[in-house]
Amino acid sequence: GGSLRLSCAASGMFFSNFDMGWSRQAPGKQRELVALITHG
């Protein structure tokens, strides 16, 4: 029921051109893409 805020700081790239996202991997499971935000 609680909350967290994850941050990802990027460097070495023209950030605004990239699609960005978050994936997750639980023990014994495949990695899944959970959220995506496009460059637009």
All heavy atoms as atom14 arrays in JSON, in Angstrom:
{
  "sequence": "GGSLRLSCAASGMFFSNFDMGWSRQAPGKQRELVALITHG",
  "atom14_mask": [
    [1, 1, 1, 1, 0, 0, 0, 0, 0, 0, 0, 0, 0, 0],
    [1, 1, 1, 1, 0, 0, 0, 0, 0, 0, 0, 0, 0, 0],
    [1, 1, 1, 1, 1, 1, 0, 0, 0, 0, 0, 0, 0, 0],
    [1, 1, 1, 1, 1, 1, 1, 1, 0, 0, 0, 0, 0, 0],
    [1, 1, 1, 1, 1, 1, 1, 1, 1, 1, 1, 0, 0, 0],
    [1, 1, 1, 1, 1, 1, 1, 1, 0, 0, 0, 0, 0, 0],
    [1, 1, 1, 1, 1, 1, 0, 0, 0, 0, 0, 0, 0, 0],
    [1, 1, 1, 1, 1, 1, 0, 0, 0, 0, 0, 0, 0, 0],
    [1, 1, 1, 1, 1, 0, 0, 0, 0, 0, 0, 0, 0, 0],
    [1, 1, 1, 1, 1, 0, 0, 0, 0, 0, 0, 0, 0, 0],
    [1, 1, 1, 1, 1, 1, 0, 0, 0, 0, 0, 0, 0, 0],
    [1, 1, 1, 1, 0, 0, 0, 0, 0, 0, 0, 0, 0, 0],
    [1, 1, 1, 1, 1, 1, 1, 1, 0, 0, 0, 0, 0, 0],
    [1, 1, 1, 1, 1, 1, 1, 1, 1, 1, 1, 0, 0, 0],
    [1, 1, 1, 1, 1, 1, 1, 1, 1, 1, 1, 0, 0, 0],
    [1, 1, 1, 1, 1, 1, 0, 0, 0, 0, 0, 0, 0, 0],
    [1, 1, 1, 1, 1, 1, 1, 1, 0, 0, 0, 0, 0, 0],
    [1, 1, 1, 1, 1, 1, 1, 1, 1, 1, 1, 0, 0, 0],
    [1, 1, 1, 1, 1, 1, 1, 1, 0, 0, 0, 0, 0, 0],
    [1, 1, 1, 1, 1, 1, 1, 1, 0, 0, 0, 0, 0, 0],
    [1, 1, 1, 1, 0, 0, 0, 0, 0, 0, 0, 0, 0, 0],
    [1, 1, 1, 1, 1, 1, 1, 1, 1, 1, 1, 1, 1, 1],
    [1, 1, 1, 1, 1, 1, 0, 0, 0, 0, 0, 0, 0, 0],
    [1, 1, 1, 1, 1, 1, 1, 1, 1, 1, 1, 0, 0, 0],
    [1, 1, 1, 1, 1, 1, 1, 1, 1, 0, 0, 0, 0, 0],
    [1, 1, 1, 1, 1, 0, 0, 0, 0, 0, 0, 0, 0, 0],
    [1, 1, 1, 1, 1, 1, 1, 0, 0, 0, 0, 0, 0, 0],
    [1, 1, 1, 1, 0, 0, 0, 0, 0, 0, 0, 0, 0, 0],
    [1, 1, 1, 1, 1, 1, 1, 1, 1, 0, 0, 0, 0, 0],
    [1, 1, 1, 1, 1, 1, 1, 1, 1, 0, 0, 0, 0, 0],
    [1, 1, 1, 1, 1, 1, 1, 1, 1, 1, 1, 0, 0, 0],
    [1, 1, 1, 1, 1, 1, 1, 1, 1, 0, 0, 0, 0, 0],
    [1, 1, 1, 1, 1, 1, 1, 1, 0, 0, 0, 0, 0, 0],
    [1, 1, 1, 1, 1, 1, 1, 0, 0, 0, 0, 0, 0, 0],
    [1, 1, 1, 1, 1, 0, 0, 0, 0, 0, 0, 0, 0, 0],
    [1, 1, 1, 1, 1, 1, 1, 1, 0, 0, 0, 0, 0, 0],
    [1, 1, 1, 1, 1, 1, 1, 1, 0, 0, 0, 0, 0, 0],
    [1, 1, 1, 1, 1, 1, 1, 0, 0, 0, 0, 0, 0, 0],
    [1, 1, 1, 1, 1, 1, 1, 1, 1, 1, 0, 0, 0, 0],
    [1, 1, 1, 1, 0, 0, 0, 0, 0, 0, 0, 0, 0, 0]
  ],
  "atom14_positions": [
    [[0.79, -1.23, 0.0], [0.0, 0.0, 0.0], [0.82, 1.27, 0.0], [0.28, 2.36, -0.19], [0.0, 0.0, 0.0], [0.0, 0.0, 0.0], [0.0, 0.0, 0.0], [0.0, 0.0, 0.0], [0.0, 0.0, 0.0], [0.0, 0.0, 0.0], [0.0, 0.0, 0.0], [0.0, 0.0, 0.0], [0.0, 0.0, 0.0], [0.0, 0.0, 0.0]],
    [[2.12, 1.14, 0.19], [3.0, 2.29, 0.25], [3.41, 2.8, -1.12], [2.95, 2.29, -2.16], [0.0, 0.0, 0.0], [0.0, 0.0, 0.0], [0.0, 0.0, 0.0], [0.0, 0.0, 0.0], [0.0, 0.0, 0.0], [0.0, 0.0, 0.0], [0.0, 0.0, 0.0], [0.0, 0.0, 0.0], [0.0, 0.0, 0.0], [0.0, 0.0, 0.0]],
    [[4.29, 3.8, -1.11], [4.73, 4.45, -2.34], [6.24, 4.6, -2.36], [6.89, 4.67, -1.32], [4.09, 5.84, -2.47], [2.69, 5.77, -2.54], [0.0, 0.0, 0.0], [0.0, 0.0, 0.0], [0.0, 0.0, 0.0], [0.0, 0.0, 0.0], [0.0, 0.0, 0.0], [0.0, 0.0, 0.0], [0.0, 0.0, 0.0], [0.0, 0.0, 0.0]],
    [[6.77, 4.66, -3.57], [8.17, 4.97, -3.81], [8.26, 5.8, -5.07], [7.37, 5.73, -5.94], [9.01, 3.7, -3.99], [9.4, 2.89, -2.78], [10.09, 1.6, -3.22], [10.3, 3.67, -1.84], [0.0, 0.0, 0.0], [0.0, 0.0, 0.0], [0.0, 0.0, 0.0], [0.0, 0.0, 0.0], [0.0, 0.0, 0.0], [0.0, 0.0, 0.0]],
    [[9.35, 6.56, -5.2], [9.62, 7.28, -6.44], [11.02, 6.93, -6.91], [12.0, 7.2, -6.2], [9.51, 8.79, -6.23], [9.54, 9.58, -7.53], [9.69, 11.06, -7.29], [9.36, 11.85, -8.47], [9.86, 13.07, -8.7], [10.69, 13.61, -7.85], [9.5, 13.72, -9.78], [0.0, 0.0, 0.0], [0.0, 0.0, 0.0], [0.0, 0.0, 0.0]],
    [[11.09, 6.31, -8.06], [12.36, 5.96, -8.65], [12.82, 7.08, -9.59], [12.0, 7.69, -10.27], [12.26, 4.65, -9.42], [11.7, 3.45, -8.66], [11.74, 2.2, -9.56], [12.43, 3.21, -7.37], [0.0, 0.0, 0.0], [0.0, 0.0, 0.0], [0.0, 0.0, 0.0], [0.0, 0.0, 0.0], [0.0, 0.0, 0.0], [0.0, 0.0, 0.0]],
    [[14.13, 7.29, -9.63], [14.72, 8.26, -10.55], [15.8, 7.58, -11.37], [16.47, 6.65, -10.9], [15.33, 9.43, -9.78], [14.37, 10.1, -9.01], [0.0, 0.0, 0.0], [0.0, 0.0, 0.0], [0.0, 0.0, 0.0], [0.0, 0.0, 0.0], [0.0, 0.0, 0.0], [0.0, 0.0, 0.0], [0.0, 0.0, 0.0], [0.0, 0.0, 0.0]],
    [[15.98, 8.07, -12.58], [17.05, 7.58, -13.44], [17.72, 8.78, -14.09], [17.09, 9.49, -14.89], [16.49, 6.64, -14.5], [17.68, 6.17, -15.78], [0.0, 0.0, 0.0], [0.0, 0.0, 0.0], [0.0, 0.0, 0.0], [0.0, 0.0, 0.0], [0.0, 0.0, 0.0], [0.0, 0.0, 0.0], [0.0, 0.0, 0.0], [0.0, 0.0, 0.0]],
    [[18.97, 9.0, -13.72], [19.74, 10.11, -14.28], [20.56, 9.6, -15.46], [21.31, 8.62, -15.33], [20.65, 10.69, -13.21], [0.0, 0.0, 0.0], [0.0, 0.0, 0.0], [0.0, 0.0, 0.0], [0.0, 0.0, 0.0], [0.0, 0.0, 0.0], [0.0, 0.0, 0.0], [0.0, 0.0, 0.0], [0.0, 0.0, 0.0], [0.0, 0.0, 0.0]],
    [[20.4, 10.27, -16.59], [21.07, 9.86, -17.82], [22.21, 10.81, -18.15], [22.16, 12.01, -17.85], [20.08, 9.82, -18.98], [0.0, 0.0, 0.0], [0.0, 0.0, 0.0], [0.0, 0.0, 0.0], [0.0, 0.0, 0.0], [0.0, 0.0, 0.0], [0.0, 0.0, 0.0], [0.0, 0.0, 0.0], [0.0, 0.0, 0.0], [0.0, 0.0, 0.0]],
    [[23.24, 10.27, -18.8], [24.35, 11.08, -19.27], [24.9, 10.45, -20.54], [24.63, 9.28, -20.84], [25.43, 11.21, -18.2], [25.95, 9.94, -17.86], [0.0, 0.0, 0.0], [0.0, 0.0, 0.0], [0.0, 0.0, 0.0], [0.0, 0.0, 0.0], [0.0, 0.0, 0.0], [0.0, 0.0, 0.0], [0.0, 0.0, 0.0], [0.0, 0.0, 0.0]],
    [[25.67, 11.25, -21.28], [26.3, 10.74, -22.49], [25.35, 10.55, -23.65], [25.64, 9.78, -24.58], [0.0, 0.0, 0.0], [0.0, 0.0, 0.0], [0.0, 0.0, 0.0], [0.0, 0.0, 0.0], [0.0, 0.0, 0.0], [0.0, 0.0, 0.0], [0.0, 0.0, 0.0], [0.0, 0.0, 0.0], [0.0, 0.0, 0.0], [0.0, 0.0, 0.0]],
    [[24.22, 11.25, -23.63], [23.21, 11.08, -24.68], [22.41, 12.36, -24.83], [22.33, 13.17, -23.9], [22.26, 9.93, -24.3], [21.58, 10.13, -22.96], [20.72, 8.67, -22.33], [19.16, 8.8, -23.18], [0.0, 0.0, 0.0], [0.0, 0.0, 0.0], [0.0, 0.0, 0.0], [0.0, 0.0, 0.0], [0.0, 0.0, 0.0], [0.0, 0.0, 0.0]],
    [[21.81, 12.53, -26.03], [20.9, 13.65, -26.24], [19.54, 13.2, -25.76], [18.73, 12.66, -26.52], [20.88, 14.04, -27.71], [20.3, 15.4, -27.95], [20.92, 16.55, -27.48], [19.11, 15.56, -28.66], [20.38, 17.8, -27.69], [18.56, 16.8, -28.88], [19.19, 17.93, -28.4], [0.0, 0.0, 0.0], [0.0, 0.0, 0.0], [0.0, 0.0, 0.0]],
    [[19.31, 13.4, -24.48], [18.22, 12.79, -23.74], [16.86, 12.96, -24.41], [16.08, 12.01, -24.5], [18.18, 13.37, -22.32], [17.15, 12.77, -21.41], [17.4, 11.58, -20.74], [15.92, 13.4, -21.22], [16.45, 11.02, -19.9], [14.97, 12.86, -20.38], [15.24, 11.66, -19.71], [0.0, 0.0, 0.0], [0.0, 0.0, 0.0], [0.0, 0.0, 0.0]],
    [[16.57, 14.14, -24.89], [15.22, 14.43, -25.39], [14.88, 13.64, -26.65], [13.71, 13.55, -27.02], [15.05, 15.92, -25.63], [15.97, 16.38, -26.58], [0.0, 0.0, 0.0], [0.0, 0.0, 0.0], [0.0, 0.0, 0.0], [0.0, 0.0, 0.0], [0.0, 0.0, 0.0], [0.0, 0.0, 0.0], [0.0, 0.0, 0.0], [0.0, 0.0, 0.0]],
    [[15.88, 13.05, -27.29], [15.62, 12.25, -28.49], [15.21, 10.82, -28.18], [14.71, 10.11, -29.05], [16.86, 12.21, -29.38], [17.05, 13.49, -30.17], [16.27, 14.42, -30.04], [18.08, 13.53, -30.99], [0.0, 0.0, 0.0], [0.0, 0.0, 0.0], [0.0, 0.0, 0.0], [0.0, 0.0, 0.0], [0.0, 0.0, 0.0], [0.0, 0.0, 0.0]],
    [[15.45, 10.39, -26.94], [15.27, 8.99, -26.58], [13.89, 8.71, -26.02], [13.32, 9.53, -25.29], [16.3, 8.59, -25.52], [17.67, 8.29, -26.06], [18.49, 9.31, -26.54], [18.14, 7.0, -26.1], [19.74, 9.03, -27.04], [19.39, 6.7, -26.58], [20.2, 7.72, -27.05], [0.0, 0.0, 0.0], [0.0, 0.0, 0.0], [0.0, 0.0, 0.0]],
    [[13.36, 7.54, -26.35], [12.28, 6.95, -25.58], [12.9, 6.41, -24.29], [13.98, 5.82, -24.31], [11.61, 5.81, -26.33], [10.9, 6.28, -27.6], [10.59, 7.47, -27.7], [10.67, 5.42, -28.47], [0.0, 0.0, 0.0], [0.0, 0.0, 0.0], [0.0, 0.0, 0.0], [0.0, 0.0, 0.0], [0.0, 0.0, 0.0], [0.0, 0.0, 0.0]],
    [[12.18, 6.61, -23.17], [12.7, 6.17, -21.87], [11.67, 5.27, -21.2], [10.46, 5.39, -21.44], [12.97, 7.37, -20.97], [13.97, 8.37, -21.52], [15.63, 7.69, -21.71], [16.05, 7.32, -20.0], [0.0, 0.0, 0.0], [0.0, 0.0, 0.0], [0.0, 0.0, 0.0], [0.0, 0.0, 0.0], [0.0, 0.0, 0.0], [0.0, 0.0, 0.0]],
    [[12.16, 4.39, -20.35], [11.21, 3.5, -19.69], [11.79, 2.83, -18.47], [12.95, 3.07, -18.09], [0.0, 0.0, 0.0], [0.0, 0.0, 0.0], [0.0, 0.0, 0.0], [0.0, 0.0, 0.0], [0.0, 0.0, 0.0], [0.0, 0.0, 0.0], [0.0, 0.0, 0.0], [0.0, 0.0, 0.0], [0.0, 0.0, 0.0], [0.0, 0.0, 0.0]],
    [[10.95, 2.01, -17.87], [11.34, 1.21, -16.71], [10.89, -0.23, -16.94], [9.75, -0.48, -17.36], [10.68, 1.74, -15.44], [11.2, 3.06, -14.99], [10.74, 4.29, -15.37], [12.3, 3.28, -14.11], [11.48, 5.28, -14.76], [12.44, 4.68, -13.97], [13.16, 2.45, -13.4], [13.42, 5.26, -13.17], [14.14, 3.03, -12.61], [14.26, 4.42, -12.5]],
    [[11.79, -1.14, -16.67], [11.45, -2.55, -16.68], [11.72, -3.11, -15.29], [12.32, -2.44, -14.45], [12.26, -3.3, -17.72], [13.63, -3.3, -17.37], [0.0, 0.0, 0.0], [0.0, 0.0, 0.0], [0.0, 0.0, 0.0], [0.0, 0.0, 0.0], [0.0, 0.0, 0.0], [0.0, 0.0, 0.0], [0.0, 0.0, 0.0], [0.0, 0.0, 0.0]],
    [[11.27, -4.31, -15.05], [11.55, -4.96, -13.77], [11.74, -6.45, -13.96], [11.22, -7.03, -14.92], [10.42, -4.69, -12.77], [9.1, -5.35, -13.12], [8.02, -4.93, -12.12], [6.73, -5.55, -12.43], [5.6, -5.25, -11.8], [5.59, -4.35, -10.82], [4.47, -5.86, -12.13], [0.0, 0.0, 0.0], [0.0, 0.0, 0.0], [0.0, 0.0, 0.0]],
    [[12.48, -7.03, -13.04], [12.7, -8.47, -13.07], [12.62, -9.0, -11.66], [13.43, -8.61, -10.79], [14.04, -8.82, -13.71], [14.23, -10.31, -13.91], [15.38, -10.62, -14.85], [16.27, -9.81, -15.07], [15.36, -11.81, -15.42], [0.0, 0.0, 0.0], [0.0, 0.0, 0.0], [0.0, 0.0, 0.0], [0.0, 0.0, 0.0], [0.0, 0.0, 0.0]],
    [[11.66, -9.88, -11.44], [11.51, -10.55, -10.15], [12.28, -11.86, -10.19], [12.53, -12.41, -11.27], [10.04, -10.8, -9.87], [0.0, 0.0, 0.0], [0.0, 0.0, 0.0], [0.0, 0.0, 0.0], [0.0, 0.0, 0.0], [0.0, 0.0, 0.0], [0.0, 0.0, 0.0], [0.0, 0.0, 0.0], [0.0, 0.0, 0.0], [0.0, 0.0, 0.0]],
    [[12.66, -12.38, -9.02], [13.4, -13.65, -8.99], [12.66, -14.77, -9.72], [11.47, -14.98, -9.5], [13.51, -13.95, -7.5], [13.43, -12.63, -6.84], [12.49, -11.82, -7.68], [0.0, 0.0, 0.0], [0.0, 0.0, 0.0], [0.0, 0.0, 0.0], [0.0, 0.0, 0.0], [0.0, 0.0, 0.0], [0.0, 0.0, 0.0], [0.0, 0.0, 0.0]],
    [[13.36, -15.43, -10.63], [12.77, -16.55, -11.36], [11.83, -16.16, -12.47], [11.19, -17.04, -13.07], [0.0, 0.0, 0.0], [0.0, 0.0, 0.0], [0.0, 0.0, 0.0], [0.0, 0.0, 0.0], [0.0, 0.0, 0.0], [0.0, 0.0, 0.0], [0.0, 0.0, 0.0], [0.0, 0.0, 0.0], [0.0, 0.0, 0.0], [0.0, 0.0, 0.0]],
    [[11.72, -14.87, -12.76], [10.8, -14.41, -13.81], [11.56, -13.65, -14.88], [12.67, -13.17, -14.65], [9.7, -13.53, -13.21], [8.77, -14.26, -12.27], [7.6, -13.4, -11.89], [6.61, -14.17, -11.01], [5.44, -13.34, -10.65], [0.0, 0.0, 0.0], [0.0, 0.0, 0.0], [0.0, 0.0, 0.0], [0.0, 0.0, 0.0], [0.0, 0.0, 0.0]],
    [[10.93, -13.53, -16.04], [11.52, -12.76, -17.12], [11.37, -11.27, -16.85], [10.45, -10.82, -16.18], [10.83, -13.11, -18.45], [11.19, -14.5, -18.99], [10.67, -14.7, -20.4], [9.59, -14.21, -20.75], [11.43, -15.4, -21.22], [0.0, 0.0, 0.0], [0.0, 0.0, 0.0], [0.0, 0.0, 0.0], [0.0, 0.0, 0.0], [0.0, 0.0, 0.0]],
    [[12.31, -10.51, -17.43], [12.22, -9.07, -17.31], [11.03, -8.58, -18.14], [10.8, -9.05, -19.25], [13.5, -8.39, -17.8], [13.56, -6.92, -17.53], [14.87, -6.29, -18.02], [16.03, -6.8, -17.31], [17.24, -6.23, -17.38], [17.4, -5.15, -18.12], [18.25, -6.76, -16.72], [0.0, 0.0, 0.0], [0.0, 0.0, 0.0], [0.0, 0.0, 0.0]],
    [[10.27, -7.63, -17.57], [9.12, -7.06, -18.28], [9.23, -5.54, -18.27], [9.65, -4.94, -17.28], [7.8, -7.49, -17.65], [7.58, -7.05, -16.22], [6.18, -7.27, -15.7], [5.25, -7.47, -16.51], [6.0, -7.24, -14.46], [0.0, 0.0, 0.0], [0.0, 0.0, 0.0], [0.0, 0.0, 0.0], [0.0, 0.0, 0.0], [0.0, 0.0, 0.0]],
    [[8.84, -4.96, -19.39], [8.79, -3.5, -19.49], [7.49, -3.04, -18.87], [6.42, -3.42, -19.33], [8.88, -3.06, -20.94], [9.01, -1.55, -21.2], [10.31, -1.0, -20.62], [8.94, -1.27, -22.69], [0.0, 0.0, 0.0], [0.0, 0.0, 0.0], [0.0, 0.0, 0.0], [0.0, 0.0, 0.0], [0.0, 0.0, 0.0], [0.0, 0.0, 0.0]],
    [[7.55, -2.24, -17.82], [6.34, -1.85, -17.1], [5.83, -0.47, -17.49], [4.64, -0.21, -17.39], [6.52, -1.92, -15.57], [6.8, -3.34, -15.13], [7.62, -1.0, -15.09], [0.0, 0.0, 0.0], [0.0, 0.0, 0.0], [0.0, 0.0, 0.0], [0.0, 0.0, 0.0], [0.0, 0.0, 0.0], [0.0, 0.0, 0.0], [0.0, 0.0, 0.0]],
    [[6.72, 0.42, -17.93], [6.28, 1.76, -18.27], [7.21, 2.35, -19.31], [8.43, 2.13, -19.24], [6.23, 2.66, -17.04], [0.0, 0.0, 0.0], [0.0, 0.0, 0.0], [0.0, 0.0, 0.0], [0.0, 0.0, 0.0], [0.0, 0.0, 0.0], [0.0, 0.0, 0.0], [0.0, 0.0, 0.0], [0.0, 0.0, 0.0], [0.0, 0.0, 0.0]],
    [[6.64, 3.09, -20.24], [7.41, 3.7, -21.31], [6.91, 5.13, -21.53], [5.69, 5.37, -21.5], [7.27, 2.91, -22.6], [8.06, 3.39, -23.81], [9.53, 3.11, -23.62], [7.56, 2.72, -25.09], [0.0, 0.0, 0.0], [0.0, 0.0, 0.0], [0.0, 0.0, 0.0], [0.0, 0.0, 0.0], [0.0, 0.0, 0.0], [0.0, 0.0, 0.0]],
    [[7.84, 6.05, -21.76], [7.47, 7.41, -22.16], [8.3, 7.74, -23.39], [9.53, 7.64, -23.38], [7.66, 8.43, -21.01], [7.18, 9.81, -21.44], [9.09, 8.45, -20.49], [7.01, 10.79, -20.27], [0.0, 0.0, 0.0], [0.0, 0.0, 0.0], [0.0, 0.0, 0.0], [0.0, 0.0, 0.0], [0.0, 0.0, 0.0], [0.0, 0.0, 0.0]],
    [[7.63, 8.1, -24.47], [8.34, 8.36, -25.72], [9.02, 9.72, -25.68], [8.78, 10.54, -24.78], [7.38, 8.31, -26.91], [6.5, 9.44, -26.83], [6.58, 7.02, -26.92], [0.0, 0.0, 0.0], [0.0, 0.0, 0.0], [0.0, 0.0, 0.0], [0.0, 0.0, 0.0], [0.0, 0.0, 0.0], [0.0, 0.0, 0.0], [0.0, 0.0, 0.0]],
    [[9.85, 9.99, -26.68], [10.5, 11.28, -26.76], [9.47, 12.4, -26.91], [9.73, 13.54, -26.51], [11.51, 11.31, -27.91], [10.9, 11.08, -29.25], [10.6, 9.82, -29.72], [10.52, 11.96, -30.2], [10.06, 9.93, -30.92], [10.0, 11.2, -31.24], [0.0, 0.0, 0.0], [0.0, 0.0, 0.0], [0.0, 0.0, 0.0], [0.0, 0.0, 0.0]],
    [[8.3, 12.05, -27.41], [7.22, 13.03, -27.56], [6.33, 13.17, -26.35], [5.44, 14.03, -26.31], [0.0, 0.0, 0.0], [0.0, 0.0, 0.0], [0.0, 0.0, 0.0], [0.0, 0.0, 0.0], [0.0, 0.0, 0.0], [0.0, 0.0, 0.0], [0.0, 0.0, 0.0], [0.0, 0.0, 0.0], [0.0, 0.0, 0.0], [0.0, 0.0, 0.0]]
  ]
}
